């Protein structure tokens, strides 16, 4: 079931933040995973190296959360992935924006052994 403009009764949701070194992408969903709104630093209007700044991340997160608030979002679980500059900016914005954070989780993938190392150079 797709969430439409007329279906504005989503109270609880989830906020997924992907913070890479080059970009920050924010997705707001309901509890079953249907997307309510999304934003990124590029969608907000930043280009090139300015996309990878904490200020650009705050703008993207604010835009995505405003889209969720328009649908009636009041509380959300937050899932942050990645090592980028948008991580700390995300936490600062979520404190001030007026959404009650019910859960906060770091879902950055960590290798348990990783790929095989290169053979040593000789010669």
PDB file of N, CA and C in Angstrom:
ATOM      1  N   UNK A   1       0.839  -1.183   0.000  1.00  0.00           N
ATOM      2  CA  UNK A   1       0.000   0.000   0.000  1.00  0.00           C
ATOM      3  C   UNK A   1       0.885   1.247   0.000  1.00  0.00           C
ATOM      4  N   UNK A   2       0.713   2.089  -0.944  1.00  0.00           N
ATOM      5  CA  UNK A   2       1.506   3.313  -1.040  1.00  0.00           C
ATOM      6  C   UNK A   2       0.867   4.419  -0.205  1.00  0.00           C
ATOM      7  N   UNK A   3       1.693   5.202   0.445  1.00  0.00           N
ATOM      8  CA  UNK A   3       1.205   6.322   1.229  1.00  0.00           C
ATOM      9  C   UNK A   3       0.957   7.493   0.274  1.00  0.00           C
ATOM     10  N   UNK A   4      -0.248   8.011   0.293  1.00  0.00           N
ATOM     11  CA  UNK A   4      -0.596   9.111  -0.596  1.00  0.00           C
ATOM     12  C   UNK A   4      -0.734  10.396   0.203  1.00  0.00           C
ATOM     13  N   UNK A   5      -0.981  11.492  -0.505  1.00  0.00           N
ATOM     14  CA  UNK A   5      -1.140  12.785   0.160  1.00  0.00           C
ATOM     15  C   UNK A   5      -2.348  12.784   1.088  1.00  0.00           C
ATOM     16  N   UNK A   6      -3.390  12.019   0.761  1.00  0.00           N
ATOM     17  CA  UNK A   6      -4.589  12.020   1.592  1.00  0.00           C
ATOM     18  C   UNK A   6      -4.404  11.190   2.855  1.00  0.00           C
ATOM     19  N   UNK A   7      -3.394  10.294   2.876  1.00  0.00           N
ATOM     20  CA  UNK A   7      -3.177   9.418   4.029  1.00  0.00           C
ATOM     21  C   UNK A   7      -2.175  10.077   4.978  1.00  0.00           C
ATOM     22  N   UNK A   8      -2.638  11.051   5.772  1.00  0.00           N
ATOM     23  CA  UNK A   8      -1.743  11.808   6.649  1.00  0.00           C
ATOM     24  C   UNK A   8      -1.965  11.432   8.104  1.00  0.00           C
ATOM     25  N   UNK A   9      -1.806  10.161   8.421  1.00  0.00           N
ATOM     26  CA  UNK A   9      -2.024   9.745   9.803  1.00  0.00           C
ATOM     27  C   UNK A   9      -0.895   8.863  10.317  1.00  0.00           C
ATOM     28  N   UNK A  10       0.324   9.092   9.826  1.00  0.00           N
ATOM     29  CA  UNK A  10       1.474   8.322  10.278  1.00  0.00           C
ATOM     30  C   UNK A  10       2.025   9.012  11.529  1.00  0.00           C
ATOM     31  N   UNK A  11       1.927   8.339  12.680  1.00  0.00           N
ATOM     32  CA  UNK A  11       2.384   8.938  13.929  1.00  0.00           C
ATOM     33  C   UNK A  11       3.789   8.451  14.282  1.00  0.00           C
ATOM     34  N   UNK A  12       4.016   7.128  14.169  1.00  0.00           N
ATOM     35  CA  UNK A  12       5.323   6.540  14.446  1.00  0.00           C
ATOM     36  C   UNK A  12       6.009   6.201  13.135  1.00  0.00           C
ATOM     37  N   UNK A  13       7.330   6.316  13.112  1.00  0.00           N
ATOM     38  CA  UNK A  13       8.053   6.007  11.888  1.00  0.00           C
ATOM     39  C   UNK A  13       9.502   5.690  12.153  1.00  0.00           C
ATOM     40  N   UNK A  14      10.243   5.648  11.066  1.00  0.00           N
ATOM     41  CA  UNK A  14      11.679   5.387  11.141  1.00  0.00           C
ATOM     42  C   UNK A  14      12.404   6.398  10.260  1.00  0.00           C
ATOM     43  N   UNK A  15      13.592   6.802  10.696  1.00  0.00           N
ATOM     44  CA  UNK A  15      14.426   7.710   9.919  1.00  0.00           C
ATOM     45  C   UNK A  15      15.747   7.004   9.661  1.00  0.00           C
ATOM     46  N   UNK A  16      16.050   6.805   8.375  1.00  0.00           N
ATOM     47  CA  UNK A  16      17.302   6.165   7.983  1.00  0.00           C
ATOM     48  C   UNK A  16      18.240   7.231   7.444  1.00  0.00           C
ATOM     49  N   UNK A  17      19.451   7.304   8.008  1.00  0.00           N
ATOM     50  CA  UNK A  17      20.435   8.304   7.589  1.00  0.00           C
ATOM     51  C   UNK A  17      21.668   7.567   7.071  1.00  0.00           C
ATOM     52  N   UNK A  18      21.999   7.794   5.795  1.00  0.00           N
ATOM     53  CA  UNK A  18      23.201   7.229   5.188  1.00  0.00           C
ATOM     54  C   UNK A  18      24.189   8.366   5.003  1.00  0.00           C
ATOM     55  N   UNK A  19      25.248   8.352   5.814  1.00  0.00           N
ATOM     56  CA  UNK A  19      26.233   9.441   5.791  1.00  0.00           C
ATOM     57  C   UNK A  19      27.543   8.927   5.217  1.00  0.00           C
ATOM     58  N   UNK A  20      27.779   9.164   3.931  1.00  0.00           N
ATOM     59  CA  UNK A  20      29.044   8.785   3.322  1.00  0.00           C
ATOM     60  C   UNK A  20      29.967  10.000   3.342  1.00  0.00           C
ATOM     61  N   UNK A  21      31.183   9.833   2.839  1.00  0.00           N
ATOM     62  CA  UNK A  21      32.120  10.952   2.823  1.00  0.00           C
ATOM     63  C   UNK A  21      31.719  11.997   1.790  1.00  0.00           C
ATOM     64  N   UNK A  22      30.944  11.614   0.773  1.00  0.00           N
ATOM     65  CA  UNK A  22      30.582  12.534  -0.299  1.00  0.00           C
ATOM     66  C   UNK A  22      29.149  13.037  -0.241  1.00  0.00           C
ATOM     67  N   UNK A  23      28.278  12.394   0.505  1.00  0.00           N
ATOM     68  CA  UNK A  23      26.864  12.732   0.446  1.00  0.00           C
ATOM     69  C   UNK A  23      26.179  12.281   1.728  1.00  0.00           C
ATOM     70  N   UNK A  24      24.971  12.783   1.959  1.00  0.00           N
ATOM     71  CA  UNK A  24      24.125  12.337   3.060  1.00  0.00           C
ATOM     72  C   UNK A  24      22.722  12.152   2.512  1.00  0.00           C
ATOM     73  N   UNK A  25      22.162  10.958   2.681  1.00  0.00           N
ATOM     74  CA  UNK A  25      20.827  10.641   2.191  1.00  0.00           C
ATOM     75  C   UNK A  25      19.956  10.287   3.390  1.00  0.00           C
ATOM     76  N   UNK A  26      18.768  10.896   3.477  1.00  0.00           N
ATOM     77  CA  UNK A  26      17.861  10.684   4.595  1.00  0.00           C
ATOM     78  C   UNK A  26      16.539  10.176   4.049  1.00  0.00           C
ATOM     79  N   UNK A  27      16.029   9.077   4.630  1.00  0.00           N
ATOM     80  CA  UNK A  27      14.752   8.513   4.225  1.00  0.00           C
ATOM     81  C   UNK A  27      13.869   8.400   5.456  1.00  0.00           C
ATOM     82  N   UNK A  28      12.630   8.876   5.354  1.00  0.00           N
ATOM     83  CA  UNK A  28      11.663   8.788   6.442  1.00  0.00           C
ATOM     84  C   UNK A  28      10.589   7.791   6.014  1.00  0.00           C
ATOM     85  N   UNK A  29      10.365   6.749   6.831  1.00  0.00           N
ATOM     86  CA  UNK A  29       9.373   5.730   6.506  1.00  0.00           C
ATOM     87  C   UNK A  29       8.398   5.556   7.663  1.00  0.00           C
ATOM     88  N   UNK A  30       7.296   4.850   7.392  1.00  0.00           N
ATOM     89  CA  UNK A  30       6.425   4.453   8.494  1.00  0.00           C
ATOM     90  C   UNK A  30       7.003   3.174   9.105  1.00  0.00           C
ATOM     91  N   UNK A  31       6.305   2.596  10.081  1.00  0.00           N
ATOM     92  CA  UNK A  31       6.873   1.451  10.794  1.00  0.00           C
ATOM     93  C   UNK A  31       6.967   0.207   9.923  1.00  0.00           C
ATOM     94  N   UNK A  32       6.175   0.116   8.854  1.00  0.00           N
ATOM     95  CA  UNK A  32       6.248  -1.056   7.985  1.00  0.00           C
ATOM     96  C   UNK A  32       7.204  -0.851   6.816  1.00  0.00           C
ATOM     97  N   UNK A  33       7.846   0.311   6.693  1.00  0.00           N
ATOM     98  CA  UNK A  33       8.868   0.520   5.690  1.00  0.00           C
ATOM     99  C   UNK A  33       8.437   1.292   4.462  1.00  0.00           C
ATOM    100  N   UNK A  34       7.193   1.784   4.424  1.00  0.00           N
ATOM    101  CA  UNK A  34       6.748   2.582   3.283  1.00  0.00           C
ATOM    102  C   UNK A  34       7.310   3.991   3.392  1.00  0.00           C
ATOM    103  N   UNK A  35       7.905   4.479   2.314  1.00  0.00           N
ATOM    104  CA  UNK A  35       8.585   5.776   2.341  1.00  0.00           C
ATOM    105  C   UNK A  35       7.566   6.911   2.422  1.00  0.00           C
ATOM    106  N   UNK A  36       7.760   7.785   3.393  1.00  0.00           N
ATOM    107  CA  UNK A  36       6.925   8.976   3.553  1.00  0.00           C
ATOM    108  C   UNK A  36       7.587  10.153   2.849  1.00  0.00           C
ATOM    109  N   UNK A  37       8.894  10.309   3.065  1.00  0.00           N
ATOM    110  CA  UNK A  37       9.628  11.405   2.451  1.00  0.00           C
ATOM    111  C   UNK A  37      11.110  11.110   2.482  1.00  0.00           C
ATOM    112  N   UNK A  38      11.858  11.768   1.622  1.00  0.00           N
ATOM    113  CA  UNK A  38      13.296  11.560   1.589  1.00  0.00           C
ATOM    114  C   UNK A  38      13.961  12.853   1.159  1.00  0.00           C
ATOM    115  N   UNK A  39      15.238  12.934   1.408  1.00  0.00           N
ATOM    116  CA  UNK A  39      16.013  14.086   0.970  1.00  0.00           C
ATOM    117  C   UNK A  39      17.481  13.711   0.949  1.00  0.00           C
ATOM    118  N   UNK A  40      18.251  14.491   0.215  1.00  0.00           N
ATOM    119  CA  UNK A  40      19.697  14.319   0.194  1.00  0.00           C
ATOM    120  C   UNK A  40      20.323  15.703   0.062  1.00  0.00           C
ATOM    121  N   UNK A  41      21.619  15.764   0.221  1.00  0.00           N
ATOM    122  CA  UNK A  41      22.277  17.064   0.127  1.00  0.00           C
ATOM    123  C   UNK A  41      22.195  17.608  -1.294  1.00  0.00           C
ATOM    124  N   UNK A  42      22.154  16.738  -2.278  1.00  0.00           N
ATOM    125  CA  UNK A  42      21.998  17.189  -3.659  1.00  0.00           C
ATOM    126  C   UNK A  42      20.604  17.701  -3.943  1.00  0.00           C
ATOM    127  N   UNK A  43      19.599  17.053  -3.370  1.00  0.00           N
ATOM    128  CA  UNK A  43      18.215  17.479  -3.575  1.00  0.00           C
ATOM    129  C   UNK A  43      17.965  18.855  -2.951  1.00  0.00           C
ATOM    130  N   UNK A  44      18.655  19.140  -1.852  1.00  0.00           N
ATOM    131  CA  UNK A  44      18.497  20.422  -1.172  1.00  0.00           C
ATOM    132  C   UNK A  44      19.156  21.550  -1.960  1.00  0.00           C
ATOM    133  N   UNK A  45      20.122  21.222  -2.825  1.00  0.00           N
ATOM    134  CA  UNK A  45      20.697  22.246  -3.683  1.00  0.00           C
ATOM    135  C   UNK A  45      22.200  22.384  -3.640  1.00  0.00           C
ATOM    136  N   UNK A  46      22.882  21.482  -2.944  1.00  0.00           N
ATOM    137  CA  UNK A  46      24.334  21.557  -2.881  1.00  0.00           C
ATOM    138  C   UNK A  46      24.938  20.727  -4.005  1.00  0.00           C
ATOM    139  N   UNK A  47      26.079  21.180  -4.521  1.00  0.00           N
ATOM    140  CA  UNK A  47      26.764  20.464  -5.588  1.00  0.00           C
ATOM    141  C   UNK A  47      28.233  20.293  -5.227  1.00  0.00           C
ATOM    142  N   UNK A  48      28.835  19.247  -5.772  1.00  0.00           N
ATOM    143  CA  UNK A  48      30.277  19.049  -5.634  1.00  0.00           C
ATOM    144  C   UNK A  48      30.729  18.828  -4.205  1.00  0.00           C
ATOM    145  N   UNK A  49      31.820  19.449  -3.834  1.00  0.00           N
ATOM    146  CA  UNK A  49      32.405  19.209  -2.518  1.00  0.00           C
ATOM    147  C   UNK A  49      31.571  19.818  -1.394  1.00  0.00           C
ATOM    148  N   UNK A  50      30.656  20.730  -1.711  1.00  0.00           N
ATOM    149  CA  UNK A  50      29.805  21.309  -0.664  1.00  0.00           C
ATOM    150  C   UNK A  50      28.766  20.311  -0.164  1.00  0.00           C
ATOM    151  N   UNK A  51      28.510  19.248  -0.954  1.00  0.00           N
ATOM    152  CA  UNK A  51      27.580  18.212  -0.506  1.00  0.00           C
ATOM    153  C   UNK A  51      28.116  17.460   0.703  1.00  0.00           C
ATOM    154  N   UNK A  52      29.432  17.419   0.851  1.00  0.00           N
ATOM    155  CA  UNK A  52      30.029  16.616   1.918  1.00  0.00           C
ATOM    156  C   UNK A  52      30.293  17.426   3.182  1.00  0.00           C
ATOM    157  N   UNK A  53      29.544  18.504   3.404  1.00  0.00           N
ATOM    158  CA  UNK A  53      29.725  19.318   4.602  1.00  0.00           C
ATOM    159  C   UNK A  53      28.643  19.012   5.627  1.00  0.00           C
ATOM    160  N   UNK A  54      28.914  19.231   6.907  1.00  0.00           N
ATOM    161  CA  UNK A  54      27.888  19.025   7.934  1.00  0.00           C
ATOM    162  C   UNK A  54      26.687  19.951   7.752  1.00  0.00           C
ATOM    163  N   UNK A  55      26.903  21.164   7.260  1.00  0.00           N
ATOM    164  CA  UNK A  55      25.781  22.092   7.051  1.00  0.00           C
ATOM    165  C   UNK A  55      24.821  21.556   5.998  1.00  0.00           C
ATOM    166  N   UNK A  56      25.359  21.001   4.909  1.00  0.00           N
ATOM    167  CA  UNK A  56      24.509  20.416   3.875  1.00  0.00           C
ATOM    168  C   UNK A  56      23.708  19.251   4.446  1.00  0.00           C
ATOM    169  N   UNK A  57      24.323  18.470   5.329  1.00  0.00           N
ATOM    170  CA  UNK A  57      23.621  17.345   5.954  1.00  0.00           C
ATOM    171  C   UNK A  57      22.478  17.838   6.831  1.00  0.00           C
ATOM    172  N   UNK A  58      22.689  18.923   7.577  1.00  0.00           N
ATOM    173  CA  UNK A  58      21.613  19.445   8.415  1.00  0.00           C
ATOM    174  C   UNK A  58      20.439  19.911   7.561  1.00  0.00           C
ATOM    175  N   UNK A  59      20.723  20.534   6.427  1.00  0.00           N
ATOM    176  CA  UNK A  59      19.652  20.983   5.534  1.00  0.00           C
ATOM    177  C   UNK A  59      18.861  19.794   4.991  1.00  0.00           C
ATOM    178  N   UNK A  60      19.563  18.726   4.613  1.00  0.00           N
ATOM    179  CA  UNK A  60      18.894  17.545   4.061  1.00  0.00           C
ATOM    180  C   UNK A  60      18.029  16.864   5.114  1.00  0.00           C
ATOM    181  N   UNK A  61      18.541  16.742   6.331  1.00  0.00           N
ATOM    182  CA  UNK A  61      17.787  16.085   7.396  1.00  0.00           C
ATOM    183  C   UNK A  61      16.559  16.900   7.760  1.00  0.00           C
ATOM    184  N   UNK A  62      16.711  18.212   7.825  1.00  0.00           N
ATOM    185  CA  UNK A  62      15.573  19.080   8.123  1.00  0.00           C
ATOM    186  C   UNK A  62      14.494  18.944   7.060  1.00  0.00           C
ATOM    187  N   UNK A  63      14.886  18.908   5.791  1.00  0.00           N
ATOM    188  CA  UNK A  63      13.910  18.784   4.705  1.00  0.00           C
ATOM    189  C   UNK A  63      13.168  17.459   4.785  1.00  0.00           C
ATOM    190  N   UNK A  64      13.873  16.368   5.069  1.00  0.00           N
ATOM    191  CA  UNK A  64      13.239  15.053   5.141  1.00  0.00           C
ATOM    192  C   UNK A  64      12.289  14.960   6.334  1.00  0.00           C
ATOM    193  N   UNK A  65      12.707  15.497   7.483  1.00  0.00           N
ATOM    194  CA  UNK A  65      11.857  15.436   8.672  1.00  0.00           C
ATOM    195  C   UNK A  65      10.621  16.322   8.498  1.00  0.00           C
ATOM    196  N   UNK A  66      10.766  17.453   7.815  1.00  0.00           N
ATOM    197  CA  UNK A  66       9.599  18.296   7.538  1.00  0.00           C
ATOM    198  C   UNK A  66       8.582  17.563   6.677  1.00  0.00           C
ATOM    199  N   UNK A  67       9.068  16.760   5.720  1.00  0.00           N
ATOM    200  CA  UNK A  67       8.158  15.958   4.900  1.00  0.00           C
ATOM    201  C   UNK A  67       7.427  14.936   5.767  1.00  0.00           C
ATOM    202  N   UNK A  68       8.124  14.361   6.729  1.00  0.00           N
ATOM    203  CA  UNK A  68       7.486  13.420   7.645  1.00  0.00           C
ATOM    204  C   UNK A  68       6.488  14.090   8.556  1.00  0.00           C
ATOM    205  N   UNK A  69       6.825  15.290   9.044  1.00  0.00           N
ATOM    206  CA  UNK A  69       5.902  16.028   9.904  1.00  0.00           C
ATOM    207  C   UNK A  69       4.629  16.403   9.168  1.00  0.00           C
ATOM    208  N   UNK A  70       4.742  16.675   7.865  1.00  0.00           N
ATOM    209  CA  UNK A  70       3.560  17.003   7.068  1.00  0.00           C
ATOM    210  C   UNK A  70       2.588  15.821   7.004  1.00  0.00           C
ATOM    211  N   UNK A  71       3.117  14.618   7.146  1.00  0.00           N
ATOM    212  CA  UNK A  71       2.279  13.414   7.170  1.00  0.00           C
ATOM    213  C   UNK A  71       1.815  13.067   8.580  1.00  0.00           C
ATOM    214  N   UNK A  72       2.218  13.848   9.572  1.00  0.00           N
ATOM    215  CA  UNK A  72       1.770  13.623  10.944  1.00  0.00           C
ATOM    216  C   UNK A  72       2.761  12.895  11.815  1.00  0.00           C
ATOM    217  N   UNK A  73       4.010  12.774  11.392  1.00  0.00           N
ATOM    218  CA  UNK A  73       5.021  12.041  12.164  1.00  0.00           C
ATOM    219  C   UNK A  73       5.340  12.787  13.456  1.00  0.00           C
ATOM    220  N   UNK A  74       5.315  12.047  14.584  1.00  0.00           N
ATOM    221  CA  UNK A  74       5.632  12.654  15.872  1.00  0.00           C
ATOM    222  C   UNK A  74       6.816  11.989  16.556  1.00  0.00           C
ATOM    223  N   UNK A  75       6.953  10.672  16.378  1.00  0.00           N
ATOM    224  CA  UNK A  75       8.071   9.964  16.996  1.00  0.00           C
ATOM    225  C   UNK A  75       8.677   9.007  15.975  1.00  0.00           C
ATOM    226  N   UNK A  76       9.978   8.754  16.119  1.00  0.00           N
ATOM    227  CA  UNK A  76      10.652   7.919  15.139  1.00  0.00           C
ATOM    228  C   UNK A  76      11.846   7.215  15.757  1.00  0.00           C
ATOM    229  N   UNK A  77      12.159   6.041  15.207  1.00  0.00           N
ATOM    230  CA  UNK A  77      13.397   5.344  15.508  1.00  0.00           C
ATOM    231  C   UNK A  77      14.412   5.769  14.451  1.00  0.00           C
ATOM    232  N   UNK A  78      15.642   6.024  14.868  1.00  0.00           N
ATOM    233  CA  UNK A  78      16.653   6.560  13.964  1.00  0.00           C
ATOM    234  C   UNK A  78      17.740   5.506  13.740  1.00  0.00           C
ATOM    235  N   UNK A  79      18.074   5.271  12.473  1.00  0.00           N
ATOM    236  CA  UNK A  79      19.114   4.318  12.095  1.00  0.00           C
ATOM    237  C   UNK A  79      20.165   5.061  11.278  1.00  0.00           C
ATOM    238  N   UNK A  80      21.394   5.115  11.791  1.00  0.00           N
ATOM    239  CA  UNK A  80      22.473   5.860  11.136  1.00  0.00           C
ATOM    240  C   UNK A  80      23.486   4.867  10.577  1.00  0.00           C
ATOM    241  N   UNK A  81      23.861   5.066   9.305  1.00  0.00           N
ATOM    242  CA  UNK A  81      24.841   4.193   8.659  1.00  0.00           C
ATOM    243  C   UNK A  81      25.908   5.048   7.998  1.00  0.00           C
ATOM    244  N   UNK A  82      27.179   4.692   8.217  1.00  0.00           N
ATOM    245  CA  UNK A  82      28.260   5.348   7.508  1.00  0.00           C
ATOM    246  C   UNK A  82      29.113   6.245   8.389  1.00  0.00           C
ATOM    247  N   UNK A  83      30.306   6.612   7.882  1.00  0.00           N
ATOM    248  CA  UNK A  83      31.273   7.367   8.662  1.00  0.00           C
ATOM    249  C   UNK A  83      31.331   8.855   8.350  1.00  0.00           C
ATOM    250  N   UNK A  84      30.422   9.379   7.545  1.00  0.00           N
ATOM    251  CA  UNK A  84      30.564  10.725   7.004  1.00  0.00           C
ATOM    252  C   UNK A  84      30.305  11.848   7.986  1.00  0.00           C
ATOM    253  N   UNK A  85      30.471  13.085   7.521  1.00  0.00           N
ATOM    254  CA  UNK A  85      30.282  14.258   8.375  1.00  0.00           C
ATOM    255  C   UNK A  85      28.814  14.498   8.736  1.00  0.00           C
ATOM    256  N   UNK A  86      27.901  13.820   8.082  1.00  0.00           N
ATOM    257  CA  UNK A  86      26.483  13.996   8.386  1.00  0.00           C
ATOM    258  C   UNK A  86      26.028  13.315   9.658  1.00  0.00           C
ATOM    259  N   UNK A  87      26.867  12.467  10.237  1.00  0.00           N
ATOM    260  CA  UNK A  87      26.479  11.740  11.457  1.00  0.00           C
ATOM    261  C   UNK A  87      26.183  12.689  12.617  1.00  0.00           C
ATOM    262  N   UNK A  88      27.174  13.511  12.964  1.00  0.00           N
ATOM    263  CA  UNK A  88      27.013  14.409  14.106  1.00  0.00           C
ATOM    264  C   UNK A  88      25.975  15.473  13.811  1.00  0.00           C
ATOM    265  N   UNK A  89      25.933  15.930  12.579  1.00  0.00           N
ATOM    266  CA  UNK A  89      24.942  16.928  12.190  1.00  0.00           C
ATOM    267  C   UNK A  89      23.544  16.368  12.348  1.00  0.00           C
ATOM    268  N   UNK A  90      23.367  15.093  12.041  1.00  0.00           N
ATOM    269  CA  UNK A  90      22.056  14.448  12.156  1.00  0.00           C
ATOM    270  C   UNK A  90      21.567  14.464  13.599  1.00  0.00           C
ATOM    271  N   UNK A  91      22.450  14.143  14.514  1.00  0.00           N
ATOM    272  CA  UNK A  91      22.048  14.102  15.920  1.00  0.00           C
ATOM    273  C   UNK A  91      21.665  15.489  16.419  1.00  0.00           C
ATOM    274  N   UNK A  92      22.416  16.507  16.001  1.00  0.00           N
ATOM    275  CA  UNK A  92      22.102  17.869  16.425  1.00  0.00           C
ATOM    276  C   UNK A  92      20.750  18.315  15.897  1.00  0.00           C
ATOM    277  N   UNK A  93      20.445  17.990  14.652  1.00  0.00           N
ATOM    278  CA  UNK A  93      19.175  18.410  14.052  1.00  0.00           C
ATOM    279  C   UNK A  93      18.013  17.691  14.710  1.00  0.00           C
ATOM    280  N   UNK A  94      18.156  16.387  14.969  1.00  0.00           N
ATOM    281  CA  UNK A  94      17.049  15.619  15.533  1.00  0.00           C
ATOM    282  C   UNK A  94      16.690  16.089  16.937  1.00  0.00           C
ATOM    283  N   UNK A  95      17.651  16.636  17.670  1.00  0.00           N
ATOM    284  CA  UNK A  95      17.330  17.181  18.992  1.00  0.00           C
ATOM    285  C   UNK A  95      16.442  18.413  18.888  1.00  0.00           C
ATOM    286  N   UNK A  96      16.687  19.244  17.877  1.00  0.00           N
ATOM    287  CA  UNK A  96      16.008  20.541  17.811  1.00  0.00           C
ATOM    288  C   UNK A  96      14.735  20.541  16.972  1.00  0.00           C
ATOM    289  N   UNK A  97      14.519  19.508  16.157  1.00  0.00           N
ATOM    290  CA  UNK A  97      13.454  19.578  15.159  1.00  0.00           C
ATOM    291  C   UNK A  97      12.065  19.258  15.733  1.00  0.00           C
ATOM    292  N   UNK A  98      11.983  18.592  16.870  1.00  0.00           N
ATOM    293  CA  UNK A  98      10.683  18.361  17.489  1.00  0.00           C
ATOM    294  C   UNK A  98      10.120  16.970  17.277  1.00  0.00           C
ATOM    295  N   UNK A  99      10.922  16.037  16.783  1.00  0.00           N
ATOM    296  CA  UNK A  99      10.503  14.638  16.649  1.00  0.00           C
ATOM    297  C   UNK A  99      11.029  13.886  17.863  1.00  0.00           C
ATOM    298  N   UNK A 100      10.154  13.103  18.503  1.00  0.00           N
ATOM    299  CA  UNK A 100      10.587  12.315  19.655  1.00  0.00           C
ATOM    300  C   UNK A 100      11.348  11.096  19.144  1.00  0.00           C
ATOM    301  N   UNK A 101      12.613  10.961  19.555  1.00  0.00           N
ATOM    302  CA  UNK A 101      13.443   9.838  19.122  1.00  0.00           C
ATOM    303  C   UNK A 101      13.244   8.691  20.103  1.00  0.00           C
ATOM    304  N   UNK A 102      12.616   7.597  19.630  1.00  0.00           N
ATOM    305  CA  UNK A 102      12.336   6.460  20.497  1.00  0.00           C
ATOM    306  C   UNK A 102      13.510   5.492  20.570  1.00  0.00           C
ATOM    307  N   UNK A 103      14.300   5.429  19.501  1.00  0.00           N
ATOM    308  CA  UNK A 103      15.419   4.496  19.441  1.00  0.00           C
ATOM    309  C   UNK A 103      16.471   5.077  18.510  1.00  0.00           C
ATOM    310  N   UNK A 104      17.730   4.870  18.864  1.00  0.00           N
ATOM    311  CA  UNK A 104      18.808   5.318  17.988  1.00  0.00           C
ATOM    312  C   UNK A 104      19.800   4.174  17.847  1.00  0.00           C
ATOM    313  N   UNK A 105      20.100   3.814  16.584  1.00  0.00           N
ATOM    314  CA  UNK A 105      20.937   2.650  16.352  1.00  0.00           C
ATOM    315  C   UNK A 105      21.938   2.948  15.249  1.00  0.00           C
ATOM    316  N   UNK A 106      23.172   2.488  15.439  1.00  0.00           N
ATOM    317  CA  UNK A 106      24.204   2.607  14.415  1.00  0.00           C
ATOM    318  C   UNK A 106      24.236   1.284  13.660  1.00  0.00           C
ATOM    319  N   UNK A 107      23.888   1.313  12.376  1.00  0.00           N
ATOM    320  CA  UNK A 107      23.819   0.096  11.574  1.00  0.00           C
ATOM    321  C   UNK A 107      24.928   0.061  10.523  1.00  0.00           C
ATOM    322  N   UNK A 108      26.061   0.692  10.817  1.00  0.00           N
ATOM    323  CA  UNK A 108      27.199   0.676   9.903  1.00  0.00           C
ATOM    324  C   UNK A 108      27.737  -0.743   9.792  1.00  0.00           C
ATOM    325  N   UNK A 109      27.877  -1.268   8.569  1.00  0.00           N
ATOM    326  CA  UNK A 109      28.388  -2.637   8.439  1.00  0.00           C
ATOM    327  C   UNK A 109      29.871  -2.709   8.790  1.00  0.00           C
ATOM    328  N   UNK A 110      30.225  -3.682   9.614  1.00  0.00           N
ATOM    329  CA  UNK A 110      31.616  -3.863  10.034  1.00  0.00           C
ATOM    330  C   UNK A 110      32.059  -5.260   9.608  1.00  0.00           C
ATOM    331  N   UNK A 111      33.146  -5.363   8.828  1.00  0.00           N
ATOM    332  CA  UNK A 111      33.579  -6.699   8.395  1.00  0.00           C
ATOM    333  C   UNK A 111      34.137  -7.496   9.565  1.00  0.00           C
ATOM    334  N   UNK A 112      33.812  -8.785   9.609  1.00  0.00           N
ATOM    335  CA  UNK A 112      34.312  -9.641  10.681  1.00  0.00           C
ATOM    336  C   UNK A 112      35.665 -10.233  10.351  1.00  0.00           C
ATOM    337  N   UNK A 113      36.023 -10.264   9.082  1.00  0.00           N
ATOM    338  CA  UNK A 113      37.377 -10.633   8.703  1.00  0.00           C
ATOM    339  C   UNK A 113      37.785  -9.927   7.422  1.00  0.00           C
ATOM    340  N   UNK A 114      36.845  -9.512   6.614  1.00  0.00           N
ATOM    341  CA  UNK A 114      37.144  -8.736   5.433  1.00  0.00           C
ATOM    342  C   UNK A 114      37.639  -9.572   4.265  1.00  0.00           C
ATOM    343  N   UNK A 115      38.095  -8.884   3.237  1.00  0.00           N
ATOM    344  CA  UNK A 115      38.601  -9.575   2.058  1.00  0.00           C
ATOM    345  C   UNK A 115      40.031 -10.051   2.294  1.00  0.00           C
ATOM    346  N   UNK A 116      40.475 -10.952   1.456  1.00  0.00           N
ATOM    347  CA  UNK A 116      41.811 -11.490   1.605  1.00  0.00           C
ATOM    348  C   UNK A 116      42.850 -10.424   1.257  1.00  0.00           C
ATOM    349  N   UNK A 117      43.926 -10.360   2.046  1.00  0.00           N
ATOM    350  CA  UNK A 117      44.974  -9.367   1.864  1.00  0.00           C
ATOM    351  C   UNK A 117      45.784  -9.689   0.602  1.00  0.00           C
ATOM    352  N   UNK A 118      46.389  -8.634   0.024  1.00  0.00           N
ATOM    353  CA  UNK A 118      47.255  -8.824  -1.132  1.00  0.00           C
ATOM    354  C   UNK A 118      48.506  -9.617  -0.720  1.00  0.00           C
ATOM    355  N   UNK A 119      49.041 -10.346  -1.680  1.00  0.00           N
ATOM    356  CA  UNK A 119      50.277 -11.065  -1.361  1.00  0.00           C
ATOM    357  C   UNK A 119      51.413 -10.047  -1.215  1.00  0.00           C
ATOM    358  N   UNK A 120      52.398 -10.323  -0.386  1.00  0.00           N
ATOM    359  CA  UNK A 120      53.474  -9.345  -0.146  1.00  0.00           C
ATOM    360  C   UNK A 120      54.343  -9.136  -1.390  1.00  0.00           C
ATOM    361  N   UNK A 121      54.817  -7.923  -1.536  1.00  0.00           N
ATOM    362  CA  UNK A 121      55.723  -7.608  -2.652  1.00  0.00           C
ATOM    363  C   UNK A 121      57.094  -8.221  -2.414  1.00  0.00           C
ATOM    364  N   UNK A 122      57.737  -8.587  -3.480  1.00  0.00           N
ATOM    365  CA  UNK A 122      59.107  -9.090  -3.379  1.00  0.00           C
ATOM    366  C   UNK A 122      59.899  -8.571  -4.566  1.00  0.00           C
ATOM    367  N   UNK A 123      61.175  -8.547  -4.416  1.00  0.00           N
ATOM    368  CA  UNK A 123      61.986  -8.152  -5.556  1.00  0.00           C
ATOM    369  C   UNK A 123      62.910  -7.071  -5.322  1.00  0.00           C
TER     370      UNK A 123
END
